[in-house]
């Protein structure tokens, strides 16, 4: 007679293998009612995508950009058809998912501890409150990477939970430049109320692994090109971020972006000419103007900036006075 314990072990092992192959189960149908959608799963997938967990980056970008649960289901169906295979994820993301997003419902316990009264995301109010869940997921993932093999009985408020230590906070909050850009784009597209605006503004203070790359700086400049534009007070966080970028890097990316700014947001084109929070030296002004000329050989950007400076009565101040003078010399 077969050993019953061995039979059960084999059954559980087969179940674990199937879960690893299809960790999220079958995808919802396209005609699923909104109130029947698996919102916790969709929020978890968006967090995974924000961490670049998907091997195909284009899939992750599509998931993060989804404006509503129904749109995300349509995108997932178009990409994966019936189910998301485990091999679509990086190995570490899959291993974490298998342990945390599991039949034991550890993830659901976290989700509904955060949202006991908060309304779940809906078509009209996309992804309400998911920033709180993402913060907890960042902490869970950092704890798991630090060597904690079991996540079932962890409480984020416990004293031993690593988010309470300075070292662990650094691990949790630091993002790769690529993930930082992806998160910025997602938060920017989601701005619609006080909560989402605060999440957007706070993102500019989330540290990255290493210094901001040119791609990061360019992504922040693009925030001033959005249509419709964000409120000026909201963009002050982006300006503060740019004020911490090395001047030569700032000048190079500004020179690349200025022609688009002149077309879309001329006020920002002029305002951002003045390196945020700094009084430029004569040498720096010459470097900045030189970059503008070099990157815009087919367009008289200097003349356009000079005309704006005169129109808005800033031509008596630097660096605007130098721009006006340079335009007049041409």
Foldseek 3Di string as FASTA:
>chain_A
DDDPVVVVVVVVVVVLVVCLFFVVAWQDDLPDDQVPHPLLVLLVLLLCLLQVFFPPVVLSLCSLQQQAPSSNSVSCCVPPNTGDTNVRGDPLVSVLSSQQVHPVCNSVVLVCVQPVPPDGAGPVQHGPPSVVVSLVVLQLSLVVVVPDPHDRPDDCPDPPRVCVDPVSVLSSQAGALVSLLSVLVSLLVNDDDDVSLVVNLCSLVRHYDDDHDLVSLLSLVCLCQDVVHDDPVSNVSSLVSQLPDPLLSLLLSLLQCLVSCVVRPVVCSQVVLCNPPDDDDPVSLVSSVVSNCVNCVPDPSLLSSLVVCVVVVNCVDPPNVVSVVVNVVD
